[in-house]
Amino acid sequence: MTTFQKYCRRGVAVAVLAAVPLASNAQQVTGGGQTASQRHAAAAALQLPDITVFGTFDPNVRKATAIVNGDIITDTDVDHRLALVMIANSGNVSHEEKEVLRLQVLRNLIDEKLQIQEAAQNEVKVPEEEVEQAYSRVAANFRQSKEAFEVFLRENGSSPASIKQQIRAEITWNRLLRRKVEPFINVGDDEVQAVIRKLEEAKGKDEFRVGEIFLSATPETQGQAMADAARIVEQVRNGASFVAYARQFSEASSAALGGDLGWVRAEQLSPALQGIVTALPRGGVSDPVPVPGGVTVIALVDKRQVLSADPSAAILSLKQMTLPLPDNITEAEARKLAANMQEKTRNMGGCGKADEVARSIGAAIVSNDQLRMGDLPQQLQQILGQMPIGAATPPFGSAQDGLRVLVLCGRDDPPANANVPSFDQVYGQLNDTRVNSAARRYLRDLRRDAVIDYR
């Protein structure tokens, strides 16, 4: 999250001791009553060697510990939350980057404290059962039981308590916004209808599935926010999880969803982002972009046309042939097998012959009649999207998985207007946008009024 200058102004330096020559006859008296020569003699009596101090030093945050309106954030809290970021990066973070992330994590924890404190003052409570249920869902996302996930977190330097604290802050903050902010947000029916009319007029134009990371900033902290966002972009482009960074550092309400904004048209975004989103490739991440109130980074998850049939929503009926490869097979031998497999499947006469052809080449075969096009790898989507019914893909696979061929037996395309948003969906999107803006102002005011003591 970006630096709030009143409370945290980052400046990292390497401290090096330098000798200051003293005049031999100087007899200056210090406030403590000792002359300079007396103090010099006392220091000499300690027999201190010449030293060089290595490492980083921040004059404002001497330790990654803070007291927020009386509530303590410990070094352990920061370490455990930082470990979650390291997990998202598979540990591939330099020492210098880790120190920067540590300060960002601390600022994030401060905001969580402020959110939980404000919720408590307004008697907003979240039952522990609800937190545990959300924690179980997180563990399930990692395909682990709660017990196994706890072991995984501890082995990687984090803890269940750190994730539960983040979950608790998200739930309480959202409930507080529903109580104190959302009732005062007004979205008129005419506004909703206007959006729907624009969608109908934009039929056939591109719309985008976008993820965002928003870092708030004042004019004074804009440069620092841009630098923080640039580091996030670098990590994501090197393989880190955009979703994980959005959850940890984004200040938008979409952070709880991993930054997911859903499907939007370019004109629904900030003017500064409109040209950028249209130029991004699928899976691409933008450079940091200055926007009103801060800095935004966007990622393009997917792309489709407004009110047109979405090819990725097509339901496919497929047969898959799998030909295992011997452990000691050479590349030349594998290519020969792939060429033979392609020759056998290219003109086999459709799905009715697939089982017979599979037996003739020693391949296993399985069927799937409910596979969504969008769930396949992008390369296969491009191939299958152009194939007629009964055709087979070229062989693909690996030494471990063997050679595979998909035979297209059927395809159910969605209706052209399947993605028309309902009145309630449009209303919800407009409402969420305004709640999000009000929430940022709310949190800004909490930061301004907070008493934060860095230790």
Protein backbone atom coordinates (compact mmCIF):
# COMPACT_ATOMS: atom_id res chain seq x y z
CA MET A 1 0.00 0.00 0.00
CA THR A 2 1.23 3.53 -0.58
CA THR A 3 2.96 5.70 1.96
CA PHE A 4 0.81 8.04 4.03
CA GLN A 5 3.33 10.79 4.55
CA LYS A 6 2.04 11.98 7.92
CA TYR A 7 2.77 8.62 9.49
CA CYS A 8 5.46 6.87 7.46
CA ARG A 9 8.07 8.44 5.20
CA ARG A 10 10.50 5.86 3.90
CA GLY A 11 14.20 6.55 3.51
CA VAL A 12 16.69 3.68 3.44
CA ALA A 13 20.42 4.30 3.85
CA VAL A 14 23.60 2.44 4.75
CA ALA A 15 25.05 3.82 7.99
CA VAL A 16 28.82 4.17 8.03
CA LEU A 17 30.81 5.57 10.94
CA ALA A 18 33.36 8.22 10.01
CA ALA A 19 36.12 9.59 12.21
CA VAL A 20 35.85 13.30 13.03
CA PRO A 21 39.27 14.87 13.72
CA LEU A 22 39.54 16.75 16.99
CA ALA A 23 41.83 19.75 17.46
CA SER A 24 44.55 18.78 19.91
CA ASN A 25 44.04 21.83 22.08
CA ALA A 26 40.22 21.95 21.90
CA GLN A 27 38.54 22.19 25.28
CA GLN A 28 34.91 22.62 24.21
CA VAL A 29 32.42 21.87 26.97
CA THR A 30 29.36 19.79 26.15
CA GLY A 31 25.95 20.13 27.72
CA GLY A 32 26.82 17.20 30.00
CA GLY A 33 29.69 19.10 31.58
CA GLN A 34 32.53 17.09 30.00
CA THR A 35 35.14 18.66 27.76
CA ALA A 36 35.68 17.19 24.31
CA SER A 37 39.10 15.82 25.34
CA GLN A 38 37.56 14.12 28.42
CA ARG A 39 34.89 12.50 26.28
CA HIS A 40 37.52 11.38 23.76
CA ALA A 41 39.57 9.78 26.55
CA ALA A 42 36.51 7.99 27.92
CA ALA A 43 35.73 6.54 24.51
CA ALA A 44 39.33 5.39 24.14
CA ALA A 45 39.09 3.60 27.47
CA LEU A 46 36.34 1.40 26.01
CA GLN A 47 38.88 0.08 23.48
CA LEU A 48 36.35 0.24 20.63
CA PRO A 49 37.82 -0.90 17.28
CA ASP A 50 37.26 0.90 14.01
CA ILE A 51 33.91 -0.41 12.76
CA THR A 52 31.68 -0.33 9.71
CA VAL A 53 27.94 -0.86 10.08
CA PHE A 54 26.36 -2.94 7.35
CA GLY A 55 22.64 -3.21 6.58
CA THR A 56 19.66 -0.95 6.17
CA PHE A 57 18.43 1.82 8.38
CA ASP A 58 15.13 3.65 8.28
CA PRO A 59 15.08 6.81 10.42
CA ASN A 60 11.29 6.73 10.80
CA VAL A 61 10.62 3.02 11.29
CA ARG A 62 13.42 1.69 13.43
CA LYS A 63 11.71 -1.67 13.79
CA ALA A 64 8.83 -3.14 11.85
CA THR A 65 6.58 -2.66 14.88
CA ALA A 66 3.84 -0.08 15.45
CA ILE A 67 1.19 0.83 17.99
CA VAL A 68 -2.03 1.90 16.29
CA ASN A 69 -4.37 3.78 18.61
CA GLY A 70 -3.07 1.55 21.40
CA ASP A 71 -3.17 -1.76 19.47
CA ILE A 72 0.21 -3.38 18.90
CA ILE A 73 1.55 -4.75 15.62
CA THR A 74 4.53 -6.99 16.42
CA ASP A 75 7.52 -8.06 14.36
CA THR A 76 5.95 -11.52 14.28
CA ASP A 77 2.75 -10.12 12.74
CA VAL A 78 4.77 -8.52 9.96
CA ASP A 79 6.93 -11.62 9.43
CA HIS A 80 3.92 -13.92 9.13
CA ARG A 81 2.11 -11.66 6.67
CA LEU A 82 5.29 -11.13 4.66
CA ALA A 83 5.65 -14.91 4.44
CA LEU A 84 2.30 -15.04 2.61
CA VAL A 85 3.72 -12.71 -0.02
CA MET A 86 6.83 -14.87 -0.25
CA ILE A 87 4.64 -17.95 -0.80
CA ALA A 88 2.91 -16.15 -3.67
CA ASN A 89 6.34 -15.45 -5.19
CA SER A 90 7.63 -19.00 -4.56
CA GLY A 91 10.33 -17.34 -2.44
CA ASN A 92 11.86 -15.58 -5.46
CA VAL A 93 12.33 -12.16 -3.85
CA SER A 94 15.65 -10.37 -3.41
CA HIS A 95 16.75 -9.06 -0.03
CA GLU A 96 16.24 -5.46 -1.14
CA GLU A 97 12.76 -6.19 -2.47
CA LYS A 98 11.91 -8.05 0.74
CA GLU A 99 12.74 -4.97 2.81
CA VAL A 100 10.42 -2.86 0.62
CA LEU A 101 7.64 -5.45 0.86
CA ARG A 102 8.09 -5.50 4.63
CA LEU A 103 7.22 -1.82 4.87
CA GLN A 104 4.25 -2.29 2.53
CA VAL A 105 3.00 -5.17 4.68
CA LEU A 106 3.32 -3.01 7.79
CA ARG A 107 1.21 -0.28 6.21
CA ASN A 108 -1.35 -2.90 5.22
CA LEU A 109 -1.51 -4.21 8.79
CA ILE A 110 -1.97 -0.67 10.08
CA ASP A 111 -4.98 -0.22 7.79
CA GLU A 112 -6.42 -3.52 9.00
CA LYS A 113 -6.11 -2.34 12.61
CA LEU A 114 -7.87 0.89 11.76
CA GLN A 115 -10.67 -0.97 9.98
CA ILE A 116 -11.19 -3.43 12.83
CA GLN A 117 -11.09 -0.64 15.43
CA GLU A 118 -13.64 1.43 13.54
CA ALA A 119 -15.90 -1.61 13.16
CA ALA A 120 -15.65 -2.33 16.91
CA GLN A 121 -16.60 1.27 17.75
CA ASN A 122 -19.69 0.81 15.62
CA GLU A 123 -20.46 -2.56 17.27
CA VAL A 124 -19.88 -4.53 14.08
CA LYS A 125 -19.01 -8.09 15.09
CA VAL A 126 -18.05 -11.16 13.09
CA PRO A 127 -18.60 -14.60 14.66
CA GLU A 128 -15.48 -16.76 14.79
CA GLU A 129 -17.43 -19.51 13.03
CA GLU A 130 -17.68 -17.28 9.96
CA VAL A 131 -13.95 -16.58 10.01
CA GLU A 132 -13.24 -20.30 10.32
CA GLN A 133 -15.50 -21.07 7.37
CA ALA A 134 -13.69 -18.53 5.20
CA TYR A 135 -10.34 -19.96 6.36
CA SER A 136 -11.50 -23.45 5.34
CA ARG A 137 -12.32 -22.13 1.88
CA VAL A 138 -8.81 -20.66 1.58
CA ALA A 139 -7.34 -24.04 2.57
CA ALA A 140 -9.56 -25.76 0.00
CA ASN A 141 -8.23 -23.38 -2.68
CA PHE A 142 -4.80 -24.83 -1.89
CA ARG A 143 -6.35 -28.32 -2.10
CA GLN A 144 -5.50 -29.03 1.51
CA SER A 145 -7.36 -29.78 4.71
CA LYS A 146 -7.30 -27.16 7.47
CA GLU A 147 -4.78 -29.24 9.38
CA ALA A 148 -2.47 -29.76 6.41
CA PHE A 149 -2.76 -26.09 5.45
CA GLU A 150 -1.72 -25.06 8.96
CA VAL A 151 1.41 -27.21 8.67
CA PHE A 152 2.11 -25.71 5.22
CA LEU A 153 1.84 -22.16 6.56
CA ARG A 154 4.10 -22.79 9.52
CA GLU A 155 6.71 -24.52 7.36
CA ASN A 156 6.78 -21.40 5.18
CA GLY A 157 7.11 -18.95 8.07
CA SER A 158 3.49 -17.84 8.37
CA SER A 159 0.56 -18.90 10.54
CA PRO A 160 -3.20 -19.51 10.43
CA ALA A 161 -3.66 -16.49 12.72
CA SER A 162 -2.22 -14.16 10.06
CA ILE A 163 -4.68 -15.26 7.38
CA LYS A 164 -7.58 -15.25 9.84
CA GLN A 165 -6.73 -11.69 10.85
CA GLN A 166 -6.87 -10.62 7.21
CA ILE A 167 -10.17 -12.44 6.72
CA ARG A 168 -11.60 -10.84 9.86
CA ALA A 169 -10.57 -7.36 8.71
CA GLU A 170 -12.12 -7.87 5.27
CA ILE A 171 -15.43 -9.13 6.64
CA THR A 172 -15.78 -6.47 9.36
CA TRP A 173 -14.83 -3.64 6.99
CA ASN A 174 -17.34 -4.79 4.37
CA ARG A 175 -20.08 -5.02 6.98
CA LEU A 176 -19.22 -1.60 8.31
CA LEU A 177 -19.45 -0.16 4.79
CA ARG A 178 -22.84 -1.78 4.29
CA ARG A 179 -24.05 -0.17 7.50
CA LYS A 180 -22.50 3.30 7.34
CA VAL A 181 -21.74 3.96 3.67
CA GLU A 182 -23.98 1.95 1.37
CA PRO A 183 -27.31 3.32 2.72
CA PHE A 184 -26.21 6.77 1.58
CA ILE A 185 -25.24 5.69 -1.95
CA ASN A 186 -27.90 6.45 -4.54
CA VAL A 187 -28.14 4.82 -7.96
CA GLY A 188 -31.14 5.89 -10.02
CA ASP A 189 -33.13 3.63 -12.32
CA ASP A 190 -32.48 6.06 -15.15
CA GLU A 191 -28.72 5.63 -14.65
CA VAL A 192 -29.06 1.85 -14.88
CA GLN A 193 -31.18 2.06 -18.01
CA ALA A 194 -28.68 4.44 -19.57
CA VAL A 195 -25.88 1.90 -19.03
CA ILE A 196 -27.98 -0.89 -20.55
CA ARG A 197 -28.76 1.28 -23.60
CA LYS A 198 -25.06 1.98 -24.05
CA LEU A 199 -24.35 -1.74 -23.89
CA GLU A 200 -26.90 -2.41 -26.60
CA GLU A 201 -25.41 0.37 -28.73
CA ALA A 202 -21.95 -1.12 -28.16
CA LYS A 203 -22.97 -4.60 -29.35
CA GLY A 204 -20.04 -6.26 -31.10
CA LYS A 205 -17.42 -4.03 -29.48
CA ASP A 206 -14.72 -5.40 -27.20
CA GLU A 207 -15.12 -5.78 -23.45
CA PHE A 208 -12.48 -6.92 -21.02
CA ARG A 209 -12.12 -9.04 -17.88
CA VAL A 210 -9.83 -6.84 -15.81
CA GLY A 211 -7.93 -7.17 -12.54
CA GLU A 212 -6.73 -4.09 -10.65
CA ILE A 213 -4.30 -3.12 -7.92
CA PHE A 214 -4.94 0.40 -6.63
CA LEU A 215 -2.51 2.27 -4.36
CA SER A 216 -3.82 5.53 -2.95
CA ALA A 217 -1.55 8.59 -2.95
CA THR A 218 -1.51 12.29 -2.29
CA PRO A 219 0.40 14.67 -4.58
CA GLU A 220 3.28 14.48 -2.10
CA THR A 221 3.41 10.66 -2.08
CA GLN A 222 2.64 10.04 -5.76
CA GLY A 223 6.27 9.31 -6.62
CA GLN A 224 6.59 6.75 -3.86
CA ALA A 225 3.32 5.09 -4.88
CA MET A 226 4.56 4.83 -8.47
CA ALA A 227 7.78 3.19 -7.24
CA ASP A 228 5.85 0.72 -5.05
CA ALA A 229 3.55 -0.15 -7.96
CA ALA A 230 6.54 -0.64 -10.27
CA ARG A 231 8.01 -3.19 -7.87
CA ILE A 232 4.70 -5.07 -7.80
CA VAL A 233 4.58 -5.10 -11.61
CA GLU A 234 8.12 -6.45 -11.76
CA GLN A 235 7.29 -9.28 -9.35
CA VAL A 236 4.09 -10.24 -11.20
CA ARG A 237 5.84 -10.23 -14.59
CA ASN A 238 8.47 -12.51 -13.06
CA GLY A 239 5.82 -15.05 -12.12
CA ALA A 240 4.27 -13.82 -8.87
CA SER A 241 0.51 -14.06 -8.39
CA PHE A 242 -1.38 -10.90 -9.38
CA VAL A 243 -4.33 -12.09 -7.29
CA ALA A 244 -2.14 -12.53 -4.19
CA TYR A 245 -0.61 -9.05 -4.56
CA ALA A 246 -4.05 -7.53 -5.07
CA ARG A 247 -5.34 -9.15 -1.88
CA GLN A 248 -2.33 -8.00 0.14
CA PHE A 249 -1.72 -4.47 -1.16
CA SER A 250 -4.63 -3.10 -3.20
CA GLU A 251 -6.74 -0.43 -1.51
CA ALA A 252 -9.73 -0.93 -3.79
CA SER A 253 -12.76 -2.87 -2.58
CA SER A 254 -11.94 -5.44 -5.26
CA ALA A 255 -8.93 -6.51 -3.15
CA ALA A 256 -11.08 -9.10 -1.36
CA LEU A 257 -11.74 -10.66 -4.80
CA GLY A 258 -8.09 -10.66 -5.78
CA GLY A 259 -8.55 -7.42 -7.72
CA ASP A 260 -11.23 -8.84 -10.06
CA LEU A 261 -13.33 -6.07 -11.65
CA GLY A 262 -15.35 -8.48 -13.78
CA TRP A 263 -16.27 -7.66 -17.38
CA VAL A 264 -15.99 -3.97 -18.32
CA ARG A 265 -15.80 -1.93 -21.49
CA ALA A 266 -12.89 0.42 -22.02
CA GLU A 267 -15.09 3.52 -21.58
CA GLN A 268 -16.15 2.31 -18.12
CA LEU A 269 -12.56 2.63 -16.90
CA SER A 270 -10.64 5.76 -15.99
CA PRO A 271 -9.65 7.74 -19.12
CA ALA A 272 -6.01 7.03 -18.31
CA LEU A 273 -6.67 3.27 -18.54
CA GLN A 274 -8.86 3.11 -21.63
CA GLY A 275 -6.09 3.01 -24.21
CA ILE A 276 -3.97 0.73 -22.05
CA VAL A 277 -6.54 -2.04 -21.60
CA THR A 278 -7.24 -2.23 -25.34
CA ALA A 279 -3.53 -2.68 -26.06
CA LEU A 280 -2.84 -5.35 -23.43
CA PRO A 281 -2.58 -8.99 -24.54
CA ARG A 282 -4.49 -11.65 -22.60
CA GLY A 283 -2.54 -12.29 -19.42
CA GLY A 284 -0.68 -8.98 -19.75
CA VAL A 285 0.02 -6.58 -16.87
CA SER A 286 0.25 -2.83 -17.37
CA ASP A 287 2.90 -0.45 -16.12
CA PRO A 288 1.80 1.72 -13.15
CA VAL A 289 -0.69 4.37 -14.27
CA PRO A 290 -1.38 7.62 -12.37
CA VAL A 291 -5.13 8.03 -11.79
CA PRO A 292 -7.13 10.41 -9.61
CA GLY A 293 -6.34 9.59 -5.98
CA GLY A 294 -3.40 7.31 -6.59
CA VAL A 295 -1.83 4.74 -8.89
CA THR A 296 -3.38 1.73 -10.64
CA VAL A 297 -1.97 -1.43 -12.20
CA ILE A 298 -4.31 -3.49 -14.37
CA ALA A 299 -4.15 -7.03 -15.71
CA LEU A 300 -6.13 -8.32 -18.70
CA VAL A 301 -7.60 -11.70 -17.80
CA ASP A 302 -9.77 -12.20 -20.89
CA LYS A 303 -11.44 -10.40 -23.77
CA ARG A 304 -14.75 -10.81 -25.65
CA GLN A 305 -17.31 -8.81 -27.62
CA VAL A 306 -20.26 -7.04 -26.02
CA LEU A 307 -23.58 -8.90 -26.35
CA SER A 308 -21.99 -11.38 -28.76
CA ALA A 309 -21.64 -15.10 -28.30
CA ASP A 310 -18.69 -15.80 -26.02
CA PRO A 311 -16.58 -18.56 -27.63
CA SER A 312 -15.05 -19.46 -24.28
CA ALA A 313 -18.52 -20.28 -22.92
CA ALA A 314 -19.11 -23.03 -25.53
CA ILE A 315 -19.66 -26.50 -24.06
CA LEU A 316 -17.62 -29.16 -25.83
CA SER A 317 -18.08 -32.89 -26.22
CA LEU A 318 -14.61 -34.42 -26.53
CA LYS A 319 -12.80 -37.72 -26.66
CA GLN A 320 -9.19 -37.78 -25.50
CA MET A 321 -6.63 -40.33 -26.62
CA THR A 322 -3.54 -40.77 -24.46
CA LEU A 323 -0.47 -42.68 -25.61
CA PRO A 324 2.10 -43.26 -22.81
CA LEU A 325 5.77 -42.75 -23.63
CA PRO A 326 8.58 -45.03 -22.39
CA ASP A 327 10.90 -43.51 -19.79
CA ASN A 328 14.02 -43.82 -21.95
CA ILE A 329 12.49 -42.62 -25.23
CA THR A 330 14.56 -40.22 -27.33
CA GLU A 331 13.19 -37.04 -28.85
CA ALA A 332 13.47 -38.49 -32.34
CA GLU A 333 11.48 -41.57 -31.30
CA ALA A 334 8.83 -39.40 -29.63
CA ARG A 335 8.45 -37.29 -32.77
CA LYS A 336 8.05 -40.44 -34.85
CA LEU A 337 5.26 -41.69 -32.54
CA ALA A 338 3.57 -38.26 -32.68
CA ALA A 339 3.69 -38.25 -36.49
CA ASN A 340 2.12 -41.72 -36.61
CA MET A 341 -0.57 -40.70 -34.11
CA GLN A 342 -1.44 -37.63 -36.16
CA GLU A 343 -1.60 -39.66 -39.37
CA LYS A 344 -3.98 -42.19 -37.78
CA THR A 345 -6.31 -39.55 -36.30
CA ARG A 346 -6.30 -36.98 -39.10
CA ASN A 347 -8.69 -38.83 -41.42
CA MET A 348 -10.26 -41.38 -39.11
CA GLY A 349 -13.85 -40.33 -39.92
CA GLY A 350 -15.04 -38.67 -36.71
CA CYS A 351 -15.72 -39.72 -33.14
CA GLY A 352 -17.35 -43.00 -34.15
CA LYS A 353 -13.94 -44.36 -35.16
CA ALA A 354 -12.01 -42.89 -32.23
CA ASP A 355 -12.15 -46.01 -30.03
CA GLU A 356 -11.02 -48.26 -32.87
CA VAL A 357 -8.11 -46.00 -33.78
CA ALA A 358 -7.07 -45.70 -30.12
CA ARG A 359 -6.88 -49.49 -29.80
CA SER A 360 -4.84 -49.78 -32.99
CA ILE A 361 -2.11 -47.48 -31.67
CA GLY A 362 -2.24 -48.65 -28.04
CA ALA A 363 -3.77 -45.45 -26.64
CA ALA A 364 -6.25 -45.10 -23.78
CA ILE A 365 -9.43 -43.14 -24.47
CA VAL A 366 -11.83 -41.17 -22.24
CA SER A 367 -14.89 -39.01 -22.98
CA ASN A 368 -16.11 -35.69 -21.56
CA ASP A 369 -19.40 -34.20 -22.72
CA GLN A 370 -19.47 -31.10 -20.46
CA LEU A 371 -16.14 -29.35 -20.91
CA ARG A 372 -16.19 -25.57 -21.12
CA MET A 373 -13.97 -24.14 -23.84
CA GLY A 374 -12.61 -21.45 -21.50
CA ASP A 375 -11.28 -24.11 -19.11
CA LEU A 376 -8.80 -25.37 -21.70
CA PRO A 377 -5.30 -23.94 -22.26
CA GLN A 378 -5.27 -20.97 -24.61
CA GLN A 379 -3.43 -22.85 -27.36
CA LEU A 380 -6.06 -25.61 -27.42
CA GLN A 381 -8.86 -23.03 -27.39
CA GLN A 382 -7.46 -21.49 -30.56
CA ILE A 383 -7.21 -24.87 -32.29
CA LEU A 384 -10.61 -26.23 -31.20
CA GLY A 385 -12.33 -22.95 -32.02
CA GLN A 386 -11.46 -23.44 -35.70
CA MET A 387 -12.05 -27.20 -35.92
CA PRO A 388 -15.12 -28.79 -37.52
CA ILE A 389 -17.05 -31.49 -35.67
CA GLY A 390 -15.30 -34.85 -35.99
CA ALA A 391 -11.80 -33.40 -36.42
CA ALA A 392 -8.84 -34.12 -34.14
CA THR A 393 -6.18 -31.84 -32.73
CA PRO A 394 -2.47 -32.35 -33.47
CA PRO A 395 -0.76 -34.49 -30.81
CA PHE A 396 0.41 -32.61 -27.73
CA GLY A 397 1.77 -33.51 -24.29
CA SER A 398 5.04 -34.22 -22.51
CA ALA A 399 7.38 -37.06 -21.61
CA GLN A 400 5.61 -37.44 -18.26
CA ASP A 401 2.01 -37.15 -19.49
CA GLY A 402 2.43 -38.92 -22.81
CA LEU A 403 1.03 -37.91 -26.20
CA ARG A 404 -2.57 -36.74 -26.33
CA VAL A 405 -5.12 -35.99 -29.04
CA LEU A 406 -8.55 -34.41 -28.58
CA VAL A 407 -11.38 -35.37 -30.94
CA LEU A 408 -14.21 -32.83 -31.19
CA CYS A 409 -17.52 -34.72 -31.08
CA GLY A 410 -19.87 -31.78 -30.51
CA ARG A 411 -20.11 -28.13 -29.51
CA ASP A 412 -22.97 -26.16 -27.97
CA ASP A 413 -22.40 -22.44 -28.52
CA PRO A 414 -24.09 -19.97 -26.14
CA PRO A 415 -26.81 -17.68 -27.51
CA ALA A 416 -25.64 -14.31 -28.80
CA ASN A 417 -27.27 -12.38 -25.95
CA ALA A 418 -26.21 -14.77 -23.18
CA ASN A 419 -23.97 -12.16 -21.58
CA VAL A 420 -26.50 -9.31 -21.43
CA PRO A 421 -26.31 -7.99 -17.86
CA SER A 422 -29.56 -7.75 -15.95
CA PHE A 423 -30.87 -4.58 -14.35
CA ASP A 424 -29.74 -5.85 -10.94
CA GLN A 425 -26.24 -6.65 -12.21
CA VAL A 426 -25.77 -3.16 -13.66
CA TYR A 427 -27.20 -1.60 -10.51
CA GLY A 428 -24.81 -3.63 -8.39
CA GLN A 429 -21.79 -2.58 -10.42
CA LEU A 430 -22.65 1.12 -10.22
CA ASN A 431 -23.38 0.81 -6.52
CA ASP A 432 -20.10 -1.01 -5.84
CA THR A 433 -18.11 1.64 -7.71
CA ARG A 434 -19.54 4.41 -5.55
CA VAL A 435 -19.16 2.43 -2.33
CA ASN A 436 -15.55 1.78 -3.27
CA SER A 437 -14.87 5.49 -3.75
CA ALA A 438 -16.53 6.37 -0.44
CA ALA A 439 -14.61 3.59 1.32
CA ARG A 440 -11.29 5.04 0.20
CA ARG A 441 -12.27 8.44 1.62
CA TYR A 442 -13.41 6.76 4.86
CA LEU A 443 -10.07 4.95 5.29
CA ARG A 444 -8.16 8.13 4.41
CA ASP A 445 -9.95 9.93 7.26
CA LEU A 446 -9.14 7.09 9.68
CA ARG A 447 -5.46 7.33 8.79
CA ARG A 448 -5.51 11.10 9.22
CA ASP A 449 -6.99 10.91 12.72
CA ALA A 450 -4.99 7.90 13.95
CA VAL A 451 -2.23 7.99 16.54
CA ILE A 452 0.49 5.67 15.25
CA ASP A 453 3.69 5.14 17.19
CA TYR A 454 6.55 3.35 15.41
CA ARG A 455 8.93 1.56 17.75
